[in-house]
Amino acid sequence: GVTLLHCVTSYPAPEEECNARLVS
């Protein structure tokens, strides 16, 4: 019952640092 969210803690988060493949 736990979901893990990938996140870059920066406001705003630079999109080139978002590393979307990390979700997988």
PDBML (XML) file of the C-alpha atoms, coordinates in Angstrom:
<?xml version="1.0" encoding="UTF-8" ?>
<PDBx:datablock datablockName="MODEL"
   xmlns:PDBx="http://pdbml.pdb.org/schema/pdbx-v50.xsd"
   xmlns:xsi="http://www.w3.org/2001/XMLSchema-instance"
   xsi:schemaLocation="http://pdbml.pdb.org/schema/pdbx-v50.xsd pdbx-v50.xsd">
   <PDBx:atom_siteCategory>
      <PDBx:atom_site id="1">
         <PDBx:B_iso_or_equiv>0.00</PDBx:B_iso_or_equiv>
         <PDBx:Cartn_x>0.000</PDBx:Cartn_x>
         <PDBx:Cartn_y>0.000</PDBx:Cartn_y>
         <PDBx:Cartn_z>0.000</PDBx:Cartn_z>
         <PDBx:auth_asym_id>A</PDBx:auth_asym_id>
         <PDBx:auth_atom_id>CA</PDBx:auth_atom_id>
         <PDBx:auth_comp_id>GLY</PDBx:auth_comp_id>
         <PDBx:auth_seq_id>1</PDBx:auth_seq_id>
         <PDBx:group_PDB>ATOM</PDBx:group_PDB>
         <PDBx:label_alt_id xsi:nil="true" />
         <PDBx:label_asym_id>A</PDBx:label_asym_id>
         <PDBx:label_atom_id>CA</PDBx:label_atom_id>
         <PDBx:label_comp_id>GLY</PDBx:label_comp_id>
         <PDBx:label_entity_id>1</PDBx:label_entity_id>
         <PDBx:label_seq_id>1</PDBx:label_seq_id>
         <PDBx:occupancy>1.00</PDBx:occupancy>
         <PDBx:pdbx_PDB_model_num>1</PDBx:pdbx_PDB_model_num>
         <PDBx:type_symbol>C</PDBx:type_symbol>
      </PDBx:atom_site>
      <PDBx:atom_site id="2">
         <PDBx:B_iso_or_equiv>0.00</PDBx:B_iso_or_equiv>
         <PDBx:Cartn_x>2.990</PDBx:Cartn_x>
         <PDBx:Cartn_y>2.309</PDBx:Cartn_y>
         <PDBx:Cartn_z>-0.468</PDBx:Cartn_z>
         <PDBx:auth_asym_id>A</PDBx:auth_asym_id>
         <PDBx:auth_atom_id>CA</PDBx:auth_atom_id>
         <PDBx:auth_comp_id>VAL</PDBx:auth_comp_id>
         <PDBx:auth_seq_id>2</PDBx:auth_seq_id>
         <PDBx:group_PDB>ATOM</PDBx:group_PDB>
         <PDBx:label_alt_id xsi:nil="true" />
         <PDBx:label_asym_id>A</PDBx:label_asym_id>
         <PDBx:label_atom_id>CA</PDBx:label_atom_id>
         <PDBx:label_comp_id>VAL</PDBx:label_comp_id>
         <PDBx:label_entity_id>1</PDBx:label_entity_id>
         <PDBx:label_seq_id>2</PDBx:label_seq_id>
         <PDBx:occupancy>1.00</PDBx:occupancy>
         <PDBx:pdbx_PDB_model_num>1</PDBx:pdbx_PDB_model_num>
         <PDBx:type_symbol>C</PDBx:type_symbol>
      </PDBx:atom_site>
      <PDBx:atom_site id="3">
         <PDBx:B_iso_or_equiv>0.00</PDBx:B_iso_or_equiv>
         <PDBx:Cartn_x>3.686</PDBx:Cartn_x>
         <PDBx:Cartn_y>4.455</PDBx:Cartn_y>
         <PDBx:Cartn_z>-3.541</PDBx:Cartn_z>
         <PDBx:auth_asym_id>A</PDBx:auth_asym_id>
         <PDBx:auth_atom_id>CA</PDBx:auth_atom_id>
         <PDBx:auth_comp_id>THR</PDBx:auth_comp_id>
         <PDBx:auth_seq_id>3</PDBx:auth_seq_id>
         <PDBx:group_PDB>ATOM</PDBx:group_PDB>
         <PDBx:label_alt_id xsi:nil="true" />
         <PDBx:label_asym_id>A</PDBx:label_asym_id>
         <PDBx:label_atom_id>CA</PDBx:label_atom_id>
         <PDBx:label_comp_id>THR</PDBx:label_comp_id>
         <PDBx:label_entity_id>1</PDBx:label_entity_id>
         <PDBx:label_seq_id>3</PDBx:label_seq_id>
         <PDBx:occupancy>1.00</PDBx:occupancy>
         <PDBx:pdbx_PDB_model_num>1</PDBx:pdbx_PDB_model_num>
         <PDBx:type_symbol>C</PDBx:type_symbol>
      </PDBx:atom_site>
      <PDBx:atom_site id="4">
         <PDBx:B_iso_or_equiv>0.00</PDBx:B_iso_or_equiv>
         <PDBx:Cartn_x>7.107</PDBx:Cartn_x>
         <PDBx:Cartn_y>6.026</PDBx:Cartn_y>
         <PDBx:Cartn_z>-4.107</PDBx:Cartn_z>
         <PDBx:auth_asym_id>A</PDBx:auth_asym_id>
         <PDBx:auth_atom_id>CA</PDBx:auth_atom_id>
         <PDBx:auth_comp_id>LEU</PDBx:auth_comp_id>
         <PDBx:auth_seq_id>4</PDBx:auth_seq_id>
         <PDBx:group_PDB>ATOM</PDBx:group_PDB>
         <PDBx:label_alt_id xsi:nil="true" />
         <PDBx:label_asym_id>A</PDBx:label_asym_id>
         <PDBx:label_atom_id>CA</PDBx:label_atom_id>
         <PDBx:label_comp_id>LEU</PDBx:label_comp_id>
         <PDBx:label_entity_id>1</PDBx:label_entity_id>
         <PDBx:label_seq_id>4</PDBx:label_seq_id>
         <PDBx:occupancy>1.00</PDBx:occupancy>
         <PDBx:pdbx_PDB_model_num>1</PDBx:pdbx_PDB_model_num>
         <PDBx:type_symbol>C</PDBx:type_symbol>
      </PDBx:atom_site>
      <PDBx:atom_site id="5">
         <PDBx:B_iso_or_equiv>0.00</PDBx:B_iso_or_equiv>
         <PDBx:Cartn_x>7.260</PDBx:Cartn_x>
         <PDBx:Cartn_y>9.304</PDBx:Cartn_y>
         <PDBx:Cartn_z>-6.004</PDBx:Cartn_z>
         <PDBx:auth_asym_id>A</PDBx:auth_asym_id>
         <PDBx:auth_atom_id>CA</PDBx:auth_atom_id>
         <PDBx:auth_comp_id>LEU</PDBx:auth_comp_id>
         <PDBx:auth_seq_id>5</PDBx:auth_seq_id>
         <PDBx:group_PDB>ATOM</PDBx:group_PDB>
         <PDBx:label_alt_id xsi:nil="true" />
         <PDBx:label_asym_id>A</PDBx:label_asym_id>
         <PDBx:label_atom_id>CA</PDBx:label_atom_id>
         <PDBx:label_comp_id>LEU</PDBx:label_comp_id>
         <PDBx:label_entity_id>1</PDBx:label_entity_id>
         <PDBx:label_seq_id>5</PDBx:label_seq_id>
         <PDBx:occupancy>1.00</PDBx:occupancy>
         <PDBx:pdbx_PDB_model_num>1</PDBx:pdbx_PDB_model_num>
         <PDBx:type_symbol>C</PDBx:type_symbol>
      </PDBx:atom_site>
      <PDBx:atom_site id="6">
         <PDBx:B_iso_or_equiv>0.00</PDBx:B_iso_or_equiv>
         <PDBx:Cartn_x>10.364</PDBx:Cartn_x>
         <PDBx:Cartn_y>10.358</PDBx:Cartn_y>
         <PDBx:Cartn_z>-7.881</PDBx:Cartn_z>
         <PDBx:auth_asym_id>A</PDBx:auth_asym_id>
         <PDBx:auth_atom_id>CA</PDBx:auth_atom_id>
         <PDBx:auth_comp_id>HIS</PDBx:auth_comp_id>
         <PDBx:auth_seq_id>6</PDBx:auth_seq_id>
         <PDBx:group_PDB>ATOM</PDBx:group_PDB>
         <PDBx:label_alt_id xsi:nil="true" />
         <PDBx:label_asym_id>A</PDBx:label_asym_id>
         <PDBx:label_atom_id>CA</PDBx:label_atom_id>
         <PDBx:label_comp_id>HIS</PDBx:label_comp_id>
         <PDBx:label_entity_id>1</PDBx:label_entity_id>
         <PDBx:label_seq_id>6</PDBx:label_seq_id>
         <PDBx:occupancy>1.00</PDBx:occupancy>
         <PDBx:pdbx_PDB_model_num>1</PDBx:pdbx_PDB_model_num>
         <PDBx:type_symbol>C</PDBx:type_symbol>
      </PDBx:atom_site>
      <PDBx:atom_site id="7">
         <PDBx:B_iso_or_equiv>0.00</PDBx:B_iso_or_equiv>
         <PDBx:Cartn_x>11.030</PDBx:Cartn_x>
         <PDBx:Cartn_y>14.009</PDBx:Cartn_y>
         <PDBx:Cartn_z>-7.100</PDBx:Cartn_z>
         <PDBx:auth_asym_id>A</PDBx:auth_asym_id>
         <PDBx:auth_atom_id>CA</PDBx:auth_atom_id>
         <PDBx:auth_comp_id>CYS</PDBx:auth_comp_id>
         <PDBx:auth_seq_id>7</PDBx:auth_seq_id>
         <PDBx:group_PDB>ATOM</PDBx:group_PDB>
         <PDBx:label_alt_id xsi:nil="true" />
         <PDBx:label_asym_id>A</PDBx:label_asym_id>
         <PDBx:label_atom_id>CA</PDBx:label_atom_id>
         <PDBx:label_comp_id>CYS</PDBx:label_comp_id>
         <PDBx:label_entity_id>1</PDBx:label_entity_id>
         <PDBx:label_seq_id>7</PDBx:label_seq_id>
         <PDBx:occupancy>1.00</PDBx:occupancy>
         <PDBx:pdbx_PDB_model_num>1</PDBx:pdbx_PDB_model_num>
         <PDBx:type_symbol>C</PDBx:type_symbol>
      </PDBx:atom_site>
      <PDBx:atom_site id="8">
         <PDBx:B_iso_or_equiv>0.00</PDBx:B_iso_or_equiv>
         <PDBx:Cartn_x>13.668</PDBx:Cartn_x>
         <PDBx:Cartn_y>16.699</PDBx:Cartn_y>
         <PDBx:Cartn_z>-7.541</PDBx:Cartn_z>
         <PDBx:auth_asym_id>A</PDBx:auth_asym_id>
         <PDBx:auth_atom_id>CA</PDBx:auth_atom_id>
         <PDBx:auth_comp_id>VAL</PDBx:auth_comp_id>
         <PDBx:auth_seq_id>8</PDBx:auth_seq_id>
         <PDBx:group_PDB>ATOM</PDBx:group_PDB>
         <PDBx:label_alt_id xsi:nil="true" />
         <PDBx:label_asym_id>A</PDBx:label_asym_id>
         <PDBx:label_atom_id>CA</PDBx:label_atom_id>
         <PDBx:label_comp_id>VAL</PDBx:label_comp_id>
         <PDBx:label_entity_id>1</PDBx:label_entity_id>
         <PDBx:label_seq_id>8</PDBx:label_seq_id>
         <PDBx:occupancy>1.00</PDBx:occupancy>
         <PDBx:pdbx_PDB_model_num>1</PDBx:pdbx_PDB_model_num>
         <PDBx:type_symbol>C</PDBx:type_symbol>
      </PDBx:atom_site>
      <PDBx:atom_site id="9">
         <PDBx:B_iso_or_equiv>0.00</PDBx:B_iso_or_equiv>
         <PDBx:Cartn_x>13.456</PDBx:Cartn_x>
         <PDBx:Cartn_y>19.015</PDBx:Cartn_y>
         <PDBx:Cartn_z>-4.536</PDBx:Cartn_z>
         <PDBx:auth_asym_id>A</PDBx:auth_asym_id>
         <PDBx:auth_atom_id>CA</PDBx:auth_atom_id>
         <PDBx:auth_comp_id>THR</PDBx:auth_comp_id>
         <PDBx:auth_seq_id>9</PDBx:auth_seq_id>
         <PDBx:group_PDB>ATOM</PDBx:group_PDB>
         <PDBx:label_alt_id xsi:nil="true" />
         <PDBx:label_asym_id>A</PDBx:label_asym_id>
         <PDBx:label_atom_id>CA</PDBx:label_atom_id>
         <PDBx:label_comp_id>THR</PDBx:label_comp_id>
         <PDBx:label_entity_id>1</PDBx:label_entity_id>
         <PDBx:label_seq_id>9</PDBx:label_seq_id>
         <PDBx:occupancy>1.00</PDBx:occupancy>
         <PDBx:pdbx_PDB_model_num>1</PDBx:pdbx_PDB_model_num>
         <PDBx:type_symbol>C</PDBx:type_symbol>
      </PDBx:atom_site>
      <PDBx:atom_site id="10">
         <PDBx:B_iso_or_equiv>0.00</PDBx:B_iso_or_equiv>
         <PDBx:Cartn_x>14.119</PDBx:Cartn_x>
         <PDBx:Cartn_y>22.321</PDBx:Cartn_y>
         <PDBx:Cartn_z>-6.223</PDBx:Cartn_z>
         <PDBx:auth_asym_id>A</PDBx:auth_asym_id>
         <PDBx:auth_atom_id>CA</PDBx:auth_atom_id>
         <PDBx:auth_comp_id>SER</PDBx:auth_comp_id>
         <PDBx:auth_seq_id>10</PDBx:auth_seq_id>
         <PDBx:group_PDB>ATOM</PDBx:group_PDB>
         <PDBx:label_alt_id xsi:nil="true" />
         <PDBx:label_asym_id>A</PDBx:label_asym_id>
         <PDBx:label_atom_id>CA</PDBx:label_atom_id>
         <PDBx:label_comp_id>SER</PDBx:label_comp_id>
         <PDBx:label_entity_id>1</PDBx:label_entity_id>
         <PDBx:label_seq_id>10</PDBx:label_seq_id>
         <PDBx:occupancy>1.00</PDBx:occupancy>
         <PDBx:pdbx_PDB_model_num>1</PDBx:pdbx_PDB_model_num>
         <PDBx:type_symbol>C</PDBx:type_symbol>
      </PDBx:atom_site>
      <PDBx:atom_site id="11">
         <PDBx:B_iso_or_equiv>0.00</PDBx:B_iso_or_equiv>
         <PDBx:Cartn_x>11.668</PDBx:Cartn_x>
         <PDBx:Cartn_y>25.161</PDBx:Cartn_y>
         <PDBx:Cartn_z>-6.930</PDBx:Cartn_z>
         <PDBx:auth_asym_id>A</PDBx:auth_asym_id>
         <PDBx:auth_atom_id>CA</PDBx:auth_atom_id>
         <PDBx:auth_comp_id>TYR</PDBx:auth_comp_id>
         <PDBx:auth_seq_id>11</PDBx:auth_seq_id>
         <PDBx:group_PDB>ATOM</PDBx:group_PDB>
         <PDBx:label_alt_id xsi:nil="true" />
         <PDBx:label_asym_id>A</PDBx:label_asym_id>
         <PDBx:label_atom_id>CA</PDBx:label_atom_id>
         <PDBx:label_comp_id>TYR</PDBx:label_comp_id>
         <PDBx:label_entity_id>1</PDBx:label_entity_id>
         <PDBx:label_seq_id>11</PDBx:label_seq_id>
         <PDBx:occupancy>1.00</PDBx:occupancy>
         <PDBx:pdbx_PDB_model_num>1</PDBx:pdbx_PDB_model_num>
         <PDBx:type_symbol>C</PDBx:type_symbol>
      </PDBx:atom_site>
      <PDBx:atom_site id="12">
         <PDBx:B_iso_or_equiv>0.00</PDBx:B_iso_or_equiv>
         <PDBx:Cartn_x>11.497</PDBx:Cartn_x>
         <PDBx:Cartn_y>25.134</PDBx:Cartn_y>
         <PDBx:Cartn_z>-9.870</PDBx:Cartn_z>
         <PDBx:auth_asym_id>A</PDBx:auth_asym_id>
         <PDBx:auth_atom_id>CA</PDBx:auth_atom_id>
         <PDBx:auth_comp_id>PRO</PDBx:auth_comp_id>
         <PDBx:auth_seq_id>12</PDBx:auth_seq_id>
         <PDBx:group_PDB>ATOM</PDBx:group_PDB>
         <PDBx:label_alt_id xsi:nil="true" />
         <PDBx:label_asym_id>A</PDBx:label_asym_id>
         <PDBx:label_atom_id>CA</PDBx:label_atom_id>
         <PDBx:label_comp_id>PRO</PDBx:label_comp_id>
         <PDBx:label_entity_id>1</PDBx:label_entity_id>
         <PDBx:label_seq_id>12</PDBx:label_seq_id>
         <PDBx:occupancy>1.00</PDBx:occupancy>
         <PDBx:pdbx_PDB_model_num>1</PDBx:pdbx_PDB_model_num>
         <PDBx:type_symbol>C</PDBx:type_symbol>
      </PDBx:atom_site>
      <PDBx:atom_site id="13">
         <PDBx:B_iso_or_equiv>0.00</PDBx:B_iso_or_equiv>
         <PDBx:Cartn_x>13.149</PDBx:Cartn_x>
         <PDBx:Cartn_y>21.830</PDBx:Cartn_y>
         <PDBx:Cartn_z>-10.758</PDBx:Cartn_z>
         <PDBx:auth_asym_id>A</PDBx:auth_asym_id>
         <PDBx:auth_atom_id>CA</PDBx:auth_atom_id>
         <PDBx:auth_comp_id>ALA</PDBx:auth_comp_id>
         <PDBx:auth_seq_id>13</PDBx:auth_seq_id>
         <PDBx:group_PDB>ATOM</PDBx:group_PDB>
         <PDBx:label_alt_id xsi:nil="true" />
         <PDBx:label_asym_id>A</PDBx:label_asym_id>
         <PDBx:label_atom_id>CA</PDBx:label_atom_id>
         <PDBx:label_comp_id>ALA</PDBx:label_comp_id>
         <PDBx:label_entity_id>1</PDBx:label_entity_id>
         <PDBx:label_seq_id>13</PDBx:label_seq_id>
         <PDBx:occupancy>1.00</PDBx:occupancy>
         <PDBx:pdbx_PDB_model_num>1</PDBx:pdbx_PDB_model_num>
         <PDBx:type_symbol>C</PDBx:type_symbol>
      </PDBx:atom_site>
      <PDBx:atom_site id="14">
         <PDBx:B_iso_or_equiv>0.00</PDBx:B_iso_or_equiv>
         <PDBx:Cartn_x>15.332</PDBx:Cartn_x>
         <PDBx:Cartn_y>22.187</PDBx:Cartn_y>
         <PDBx:Cartn_z>-13.876</PDBx:Cartn_z>
         <PDBx:auth_asym_id>A</PDBx:auth_asym_id>
         <PDBx:auth_atom_id>CA</PDBx:auth_atom_id>
         <PDBx:auth_comp_id>PRO</PDBx:auth_comp_id>
         <PDBx:auth_seq_id>14</PDBx:auth_seq_id>
         <PDBx:group_PDB>ATOM</PDBx:group_PDB>
         <PDBx:label_alt_id xsi:nil="true" />
         <PDBx:label_asym_id>A</PDBx:label_asym_id>
         <PDBx:label_atom_id>CA</PDBx:label_atom_id>
         <PDBx:label_comp_id>PRO</PDBx:label_comp_id>
         <PDBx:label_entity_id>1</PDBx:label_entity_id>
         <PDBx:label_seq_id>14</PDBx:label_seq_id>
         <PDBx:occupancy>1.00</PDBx:occupancy>
         <PDBx:pdbx_PDB_model_num>1</PDBx:pdbx_PDB_model_num>
         <PDBx:type_symbol>C</PDBx:type_symbol>
      </PDBx:atom_site>
      <PDBx:atom_site id="15">
         <PDBx:B_iso_or_equiv>0.00</PDBx:B_iso_or_equiv>
         <PDBx:Cartn_x>13.712</PDBx:Cartn_x>
         <PDBx:Cartn_y>19.848</PDBx:Cartn_y>
         <PDBx:Cartn_z>-16.400</PDBx:Cartn_z>
         <PDBx:auth_asym_id>A</PDBx:auth_asym_id>
         <PDBx:auth_atom_id>CA</PDBx:auth_atom_id>
         <PDBx:auth_comp_id>GLU</PDBx:auth_comp_id>
         <PDBx:auth_seq_id>15</PDBx:auth_seq_id>
         <PDBx:group_PDB>ATOM</PDBx:group_PDB>
         <PDBx:label_alt_id xsi:nil="true" />
         <PDBx:label_asym_id>A</PDBx:label_asym_id>
         <PDBx:label_atom_id>CA</PDBx:label_atom_id>
         <PDBx:label_comp_id>GLU</PDBx:label_comp_id>
         <PDBx:label_entity_id>1</PDBx:label_entity_id>
         <PDBx:label_seq_id>15</PDBx:label_seq_id>
         <PDBx:occupancy>1.00</PDBx:occupancy>
         <PDBx:pdbx_PDB_model_num>1</PDBx:pdbx_PDB_model_num>
         <PDBx:type_symbol>C</PDBx:type_symbol>
      </PDBx:atom_site>
      <PDBx:atom_site id="16">
         <PDBx:B_iso_or_equiv>0.00</PDBx:B_iso_or_equiv>
         <PDBx:Cartn_x>17.088</PDBx:Cartn_x>
         <PDBx:Cartn_y>18.631</PDBx:Cartn_y>
         <PDBx:Cartn_z>-17.682</PDBx:Cartn_z>
         <PDBx:auth_asym_id>A</PDBx:auth_asym_id>
         <PDBx:auth_atom_id>CA</PDBx:auth_atom_id>
         <PDBx:auth_comp_id>GLU</PDBx:auth_comp_id>
         <PDBx:auth_seq_id>16</PDBx:auth_seq_id>
         <PDBx:group_PDB>ATOM</PDBx:group_PDB>
         <PDBx:label_alt_id xsi:nil="true" />
         <PDBx:label_asym_id>A</PDBx:label_asym_id>
         <PDBx:label_atom_id>CA</PDBx:label_atom_id>
         <PDBx:label_comp_id>GLU</PDBx:label_comp_id>
         <PDBx:label_entity_id>1</PDBx:label_entity_id>
         <PDBx:label_seq_id>16</PDBx:label_seq_id>
         <PDBx:occupancy>1.00</PDBx:occupancy>
         <PDBx:pdbx_PDB_model_num>1</PDBx:pdbx_PDB_model_num>
         <PDBx:type_symbol>C</PDBx:type_symbol>
      </PDBx:atom_site>
      <PDBx:atom_site id="17">
         <PDBx:B_iso_or_equiv>0.00</PDBx:B_iso_or_equiv>
         <PDBx:Cartn_x>17.773</PDBx:Cartn_x>
         <PDBx:Cartn_y>17.282</PDBx:Cartn_y>
         <PDBx:Cartn_z>-14.150</PDBx:Cartn_z>
         <PDBx:auth_asym_id>A</PDBx:auth_asym_id>
         <PDBx:auth_atom_id>CA</PDBx:auth_atom_id>
         <PDBx:auth_comp_id>GLU</PDBx:auth_comp_id>
         <PDBx:auth_seq_id>17</PDBx:auth_seq_id>
         <PDBx:group_PDB>ATOM</PDBx:group_PDB>
         <PDBx:label_alt_id xsi:nil="true" />
         <PDBx:label_asym_id>A</PDBx:label_asym_id>
         <PDBx:label_atom_id>CA</PDBx:label_atom_id>
         <PDBx:label_comp_id>GLU</PDBx:label_comp_id>
         <PDBx:label_entity_id>1</PDBx:label_entity_id>
         <PDBx:label_seq_id>17</PDBx:label_seq_id>
         <PDBx:occupancy>1.00</PDBx:occupancy>
         <PDBx:pdbx_PDB_model_num>1</PDBx:pdbx_PDB_model_num>
         <PDBx:type_symbol>C</PDBx:type_symbol>
      </PDBx:atom_site>
      <PDBx:atom_site id="18">
         <PDBx:B_iso_or_equiv>0.00</PDBx:B_iso_or_equiv>
         <PDBx:Cartn_x>14.435</PDBx:Cartn_x>
         <PDBx:Cartn_y>15.482</PDBx:Cartn_y>
         <PDBx:Cartn_z>-13.795</PDBx:Cartn_z>
         <PDBx:auth_asym_id>A</PDBx:auth_asym_id>
         <PDBx:auth_atom_id>CA</PDBx:auth_atom_id>
         <PDBx:auth_comp_id>CYS</PDBx:auth_comp_id>
         <PDBx:auth_seq_id>18</PDBx:auth_seq_id>
         <PDBx:group_PDB>ATOM</PDBx:group_PDB>
         <PDBx:label_alt_id xsi:nil="true" />
         <PDBx:label_asym_id>A</PDBx:label_asym_id>
         <PDBx:label_atom_id>CA</PDBx:label_atom_id>
         <PDBx:label_comp_id>CYS</PDBx:label_comp_id>
         <PDBx:label_entity_id>1</PDBx:label_entity_id>
         <PDBx:label_seq_id>18</PDBx:label_seq_id>
         <PDBx:occupancy>1.00</PDBx:occupancy>
         <PDBx:pdbx_PDB_model_num>1</PDBx:pdbx_PDB_model_num>
         <PDBx:type_symbol>C</PDBx:type_symbol>
      </PDBx:atom_site>
      <PDBx:atom_site id="19">
         <PDBx:B_iso_or_equiv>0.00</PDBx:B_iso_or_equiv>
         <PDBx:Cartn_x>15.786</PDBx:Cartn_x>
         <PDBx:Cartn_y>12.061</PDBx:Cartn_y>
         <PDBx:Cartn_z>-14.849</PDBx:Cartn_z>
         <PDBx:auth_asym_id>A</PDBx:auth_asym_id>
         <PDBx:auth_atom_id>CA</PDBx:auth_atom_id>
         <PDBx:auth_comp_id>ASN</PDBx:auth_comp_id>
         <PDBx:auth_seq_id>19</PDBx:auth_seq_id>
         <PDBx:group_PDB>ATOM</PDBx:group_PDB>
         <PDBx:label_alt_id xsi:nil="true" />
         <PDBx:label_asym_id>A</PDBx:label_asym_id>
         <PDBx:label_atom_id>CA</PDBx:label_atom_id>
         <PDBx:label_comp_id>ASN</PDBx:label_comp_id>
         <PDBx:label_entity_id>1</PDBx:label_entity_id>
         <PDBx:label_seq_id>19</PDBx:label_seq_id>
         <PDBx:occupancy>1.00</PDBx:occupancy>
         <PDBx:pdbx_PDB_model_num>1</PDBx:pdbx_PDB_model_num>
         <PDBx:type_symbol>C</PDBx:type_symbol>
      </PDBx:atom_site>
      <PDBx:atom_site id="20">
         <PDBx:B_iso_or_equiv>0.00</PDBx:B_iso_or_equiv>
         <PDBx:Cartn_x>12.383</PDBx:Cartn_x>
         <PDBx:Cartn_y>10.603</PDBx:Cartn_y>
         <PDBx:Cartn_z>-15.775</PDBx:Cartn_z>
         <PDBx:auth_asym_id>A</PDBx:auth_asym_id>
         <PDBx:auth_atom_id>CA</PDBx:auth_atom_id>
         <PDBx:auth_comp_id>ALA</PDBx:auth_comp_id>
         <PDBx:auth_seq_id>20</PDBx:auth_seq_id>
         <PDBx:group_PDB>ATOM</PDBx:group_PDB>
         <PDBx:label_alt_id xsi:nil="true" />
         <PDBx:label_asym_id>A</PDBx:label_asym_id>
         <PDBx:label_atom_id>CA</PDBx:label_atom_id>
         <PDBx:label_comp_id>ALA</PDBx:label_comp_id>
         <PDBx:label_entity_id>1</PDBx:label_entity_id>
         <PDBx:label_seq_id>20</PDBx:label_seq_id>
         <PDBx:occupancy>1.00</PDBx:occupancy>
         <PDBx:pdbx_PDB_model_num>1</PDBx:pdbx_PDB_model_num>
         <PDBx:type_symbol>C</PDBx:type_symbol>
      </PDBx:atom_site>
      <PDBx:atom_site id="21">
         <PDBx:B_iso_or_equiv>0.00</PDBx:B_iso_or_equiv>
         <PDBx:Cartn_x>13.856</PDBx:Cartn_x>
         <PDBx:Cartn_y>7.127</PDBx:Cartn_y>
         <PDBx:Cartn_z>-16.373</PDBx:Cartn_z>
         <PDBx:auth_asym_id>A</PDBx:auth_asym_id>
         <PDBx:auth_atom_id>CA</PDBx:auth_atom_id>
         <PDBx:auth_comp_id>ARG</PDBx:auth_comp_id>
         <PDBx:auth_seq_id>21</PDBx:auth_seq_id>
         <PDBx:group_PDB>ATOM</PDBx:group_PDB>
         <PDBx:label_alt_id xsi:nil="true" />
         <PDBx:label_asym_id>A</PDBx:label_asym_id>
         <PDBx:label_atom_id>CA</PDBx:label_atom_id>
         <PDBx:label_comp_id>ARG</PDBx:label_comp_id>
         <PDBx:label_entity_id>1</PDBx:label_entity_id>
         <PDBx:label_seq_id>21</PDBx:label_seq_id>
         <PDBx:occupancy>1.00</PDBx:occupancy>
         <PDBx:pdbx_PDB_model_num>1</PDBx:pdbx_PDB_model_num>
         <PDBx:type_symbol>C</PDBx:type_symbol>
      </PDBx:atom_site>
      <PDBx:atom_site id="22">
         <PDBx:B_iso_or_equiv>0.00</PDBx:B_iso_or_equiv>
         <PDBx:Cartn_x>14.340</PDBx:Cartn_x>
         <PDBx:Cartn_y>6.923</PDBx:Cartn_y>
         <PDBx:Cartn_z>-12.610</PDBx:Cartn_z>
         <PDBx:auth_asym_id>A</PDBx:auth_asym_id>
         <PDBx:auth_atom_id>CA</PDBx:auth_atom_id>
         <PDBx:auth_comp_id>LEU</PDBx:auth_comp_id>
         <PDBx:auth_seq_id>22</PDBx:auth_seq_id>
         <PDBx:group_PDB>ATOM</PDBx:group_PDB>
         <PDBx:label_alt_id xsi:nil="true" />
         <PDBx:label_asym_id>A</PDBx:label_asym_id>
         <PDBx:label_atom_id>CA</PDBx:label_atom_id>
         <PDBx:label_comp_id>LEU</PDBx:label_comp_id>
         <PDBx:label_entity_id>1</PDBx:label_entity_id>
         <PDBx:label_seq_id>22</PDBx:label_seq_id>
         <PDBx:occupancy>1.00</PDBx:occupancy>
         <PDBx:pdbx_PDB_model_num>1</PDBx:pdbx_PDB_model_num>
         <PDBx:type_symbol>C</PDBx:type_symbol>
      </PDBx:atom_site>
      <PDBx:atom_site id="23">
         <PDBx:B_iso_or_equiv>0.00</PDBx:B_iso_or_equiv>
         <PDBx:Cartn_x>10.597</PDBx:Cartn_x>
         <PDBx:Cartn_y>6.221</PDBx:Cartn_y>
         <PDBx:Cartn_z>-12.240</PDBx:Cartn_z>
         <PDBx:auth_asym_id>A</PDBx:auth_asym_id>
         <PDBx:auth_atom_id>CA</PDBx:auth_atom_id>
         <PDBx:auth_comp_id>VAL</PDBx:auth_comp_id>
         <PDBx:auth_seq_id>23</PDBx:auth_seq_id>
         <PDBx:group_PDB>ATOM</PDBx:group_PDB>
         <PDBx:label_alt_id xsi:nil="true" />
         <PDBx:label_asym_id>A</PDBx:label_asym_id>
         <PDBx:label_atom_id>CA</PDBx:label_atom_id>
         <PDBx:label_comp_id>VAL</PDBx:label_comp_id>
         <PDBx:label_entity_id>1</PDBx:label_entity_id>
         <PDBx:label_seq_id>23</PDBx:label_seq_id>
         <PDBx:occupancy>1.00</PDBx:occupancy>
         <PDBx:pdbx_PDB_model_num>1</PDBx:pdbx_PDB_model_num>
         <PDBx:type_symbol>C</PDBx:type_symbol>
      </PDBx:atom_site>
      <PDBx:atom_site id="24">
         <PDBx:B_iso_or_equiv>0.00</PDBx:B_iso_or_equiv>
         <PDBx:Cartn_x>11.180</PDBx:Cartn_x>
         <PDBx:Cartn_y>2.825</PDBx:Cartn_y>
         <PDBx:Cartn_z>-13.844</PDBx:Cartn_z>
         <PDBx:auth_asym_id>A</PDBx:auth_asym_id>
         <PDBx:auth_atom_id>CA</PDBx:auth_atom_id>
         <PDBx:auth_comp_id>SER</PDBx:auth_comp_id>
         <PDBx:auth_seq_id>24</PDBx:auth_seq_id>
         <PDBx:group_PDB>ATOM</PDBx:group_PDB>
         <PDBx:label_alt_id xsi:nil="true" />
         <PDBx:label_asym_id>A</PDBx:label_asym_id>
         <PDBx:label_atom_id>CA</PDBx:label_atom_id>
         <PDBx:label_comp_id>SER</PDBx:label_comp_id>
         <PDBx:label_entity_id>1</PDBx:label_entity_id>
         <PDBx:label_seq_id>24</PDBx:label_seq_id>
         <PDBx:occupancy>1.00</PDBx:occupancy>
         <PDBx:pdbx_PDB_model_num>1</PDBx:pdbx_PDB_model_num>
         <PDBx:type_symbol>C</PDBx:type_symbol>
      </PDBx:atom_site>
   </PDBx:atom_siteCategory>
</PDBx:datablock>
